[in-house]
Amino acid sequence: MERKNTKQTKLQIRRGDTVKVITGVDRGKTGKVLAVDTESSKVIVEGLKIVSKHTKPTAASPNGGIVKKEAPIHISNVMLVDAKGNATRVGRKADKDGKLQRYSKKSGEVIKNG
């Protein structure tokens, strides 16, 4: 019998963060994270990896047609951008209260959420 992995993976990137794409067609571009899918480890970045989706006519959209929308990018293909605008790796350290905070490994500064 297979055992189910109930442990949720902890990702370094959150919704609202600014990220830079480090590989792929949109390499070098930056954008804001709109959504994070923890199960598949993918993020949707505003204005990046635009795909054309064909939609059938429905009651909501009677004409149907081709809709441009953002597609998910694997989390390993993006890097967080710190306050100085540099792409950086993310570390975690405890503050005075013992609460974990994310910090930039390049500059050492604490990363603000959002």
Protein backbone atom coordinates (compact mmCIF):
# COMPACT_ATOMS: atom_id res chain seq x y z
CA MET A 1 0.00 0.00 0.00
CA GLU A 2 1.32 3.42 -0.97
CA ARG A 3 1.87 6.03 1.67
CA LYS A 4 0.55 9.50 0.97
CA ASN A 5 2.90 12.41 1.48
CA THR A 6 0.96 14.77 3.74
CA LYS A 7 3.91 17.07 4.35
CA GLN A 8 3.45 20.44 2.65
CA THR A 9 6.54 21.81 0.92
CA LYS A 10 7.78 25.16 2.19
CA LEU A 11 8.41 27.51 -0.71
CA GLN A 12 10.58 30.62 -0.57
CA ILE A 13 8.34 32.68 -2.85
CA ARG A 14 4.94 34.04 -1.81
CA ARG A 15 2.05 35.83 -3.48
CA GLY A 16 2.85 39.54 -3.94
CA ASP A 17 6.62 39.07 -4.22
CA THR A 18 8.55 40.52 -7.15
CA VAL A 19 10.47 37.83 -9.02
CA LYS A 20 12.88 37.68 -11.94
CA VAL A 21 12.74 34.88 -14.52
CA ILE A 22 16.18 33.26 -14.79
CA THR A 23 15.52 30.80 -17.63
CA GLY A 24 13.15 30.28 -20.53
CA VAL A 25 11.59 32.55 -23.13
CA ASP A 26 10.93 35.38 -20.64
CA ARG A 27 14.47 35.27 -19.21
CA GLY A 28 15.52 38.53 -17.54
CA LYS A 29 11.98 39.90 -17.13
CA THR A 30 10.51 40.74 -13.74
CA GLY A 31 6.96 40.69 -12.47
CA LYS A 32 4.70 40.34 -9.45
CA VAL A 33 3.57 36.89 -8.29
CA LEU A 34 -0.21 36.54 -8.65
CA ALA A 35 -0.59 32.96 -7.37
CA VAL A 36 1.50 30.12 -5.96
CA ASP A 37 0.61 26.44 -6.42
CA THR A 38 2.41 24.49 -3.68
CA GLU A 39 1.44 21.04 -4.97
CA SER A 40 3.07 21.47 -8.37
CA SER A 41 5.65 24.08 -7.20
CA LYS A 42 4.57 26.62 -9.82
CA VAL A 43 3.90 30.36 -9.76
CA ILE A 44 1.87 32.64 -11.99
CA VAL A 45 3.68 35.91 -12.67
CA GLU A 46 1.87 39.03 -13.85
CA GLY A 47 2.49 39.72 -17.55
CA LEU A 48 4.92 36.82 -18.12
CA LYS A 49 4.58 33.55 -20.07
CA ILE A 50 1.49 34.74 -21.91
CA VAL A 51 -0.33 31.94 -23.75
CA SER A 52 -3.33 32.00 -26.10
CA LYS A 53 -6.24 29.96 -24.81
CA HIS A 54 -9.11 29.09 -27.13
CA THR A 55 -12.52 29.34 -25.44
CA LYS A 56 -15.88 28.04 -26.57
CA PRO A 57 -18.88 30.35 -26.56
CA THR A 58 -20.70 30.18 -23.21
CA ALA A 59 -23.35 32.20 -21.42
CA ALA A 60 -20.62 34.25 -19.74
CA SER A 61 -18.72 34.93 -22.98
CA PRO A 62 -21.15 34.51 -25.90
CA ASN A 63 -18.52 35.10 -28.60
CA GLY A 64 -15.81 32.81 -27.26
CA GLY A 65 -12.54 33.26 -29.14
CA ILE A 66 -8.89 33.48 -28.17
CA VAL A 67 -7.99 34.73 -24.69
CA LYS A 68 -4.45 35.74 -23.69
CA LYS A 69 -3.53 34.73 -20.13
CA GLU A 70 -0.54 33.98 -17.91
CA ALA A 71 0.64 30.37 -17.66
CA PRO A 72 2.40 28.87 -14.62
CA ILE A 73 6.20 28.90 -14.38
CA HIS A 74 8.10 26.38 -12.26
CA ILE A 75 9.39 27.93 -9.06
CA SER A 76 12.97 26.84 -9.83
CA ASN A 77 12.95 29.11 -12.90
CA VAL A 78 12.34 32.33 -10.93
CA MET A 79 14.36 34.19 -8.30
CA LEU A 80 13.13 36.63 -5.71
CA VAL A 81 14.09 40.28 -6.20
CA ASP A 82 15.12 42.14 -3.03
CA ALA A 83 14.53 45.80 -2.14
CA LYS A 84 17.67 46.89 -4.04
CA GLY A 85 16.41 45.22 -7.24
CA ASN A 86 18.88 42.33 -7.25
CA ALA A 87 17.85 38.71 -7.83
CA THR A 88 18.79 36.82 -4.69
CA ARG A 89 18.50 33.51 -2.92
CA VAL A 90 16.32 33.43 0.18
CA GLY A 91 17.28 32.37 3.69
CA ARG A 92 15.38 32.21 6.95
CA LYS A 93 16.47 33.38 10.37
CA ALA A 94 14.68 34.00 13.64
CA ASP A 95 14.07 37.55 14.86
CA LYS A 96 14.02 38.71 18.52
CA ASP A 97 10.62 37.10 19.16
CA GLY A 98 11.73 33.76 17.71
CA LYS A 99 9.58 34.18 14.60
CA LEU A 100 11.18 33.13 11.29
CA GLN A 101 11.76 35.89 8.74
CA ARG A 102 12.93 35.66 5.14
CA TYR A 103 16.13 37.52 4.28
CA SER A 104 18.16 38.19 1.16
CA LYS A 105 21.34 36.11 1.05
CA LYS A 106 22.98 38.69 -1.23
CA SER A 107 22.39 41.84 0.84
CA GLY A 108 21.42 40.34 4.21
CA GLU A 109 18.32 42.54 4.48
CA VAL A 110 14.97 41.22 5.73
CA ILE A 111 12.41 40.76 2.94
CA LYS A 112 9.10 42.48 3.54
CA ASN A 113 5.97 40.52 2.61
CA GLY A 114 4.18 41.86 -0.45
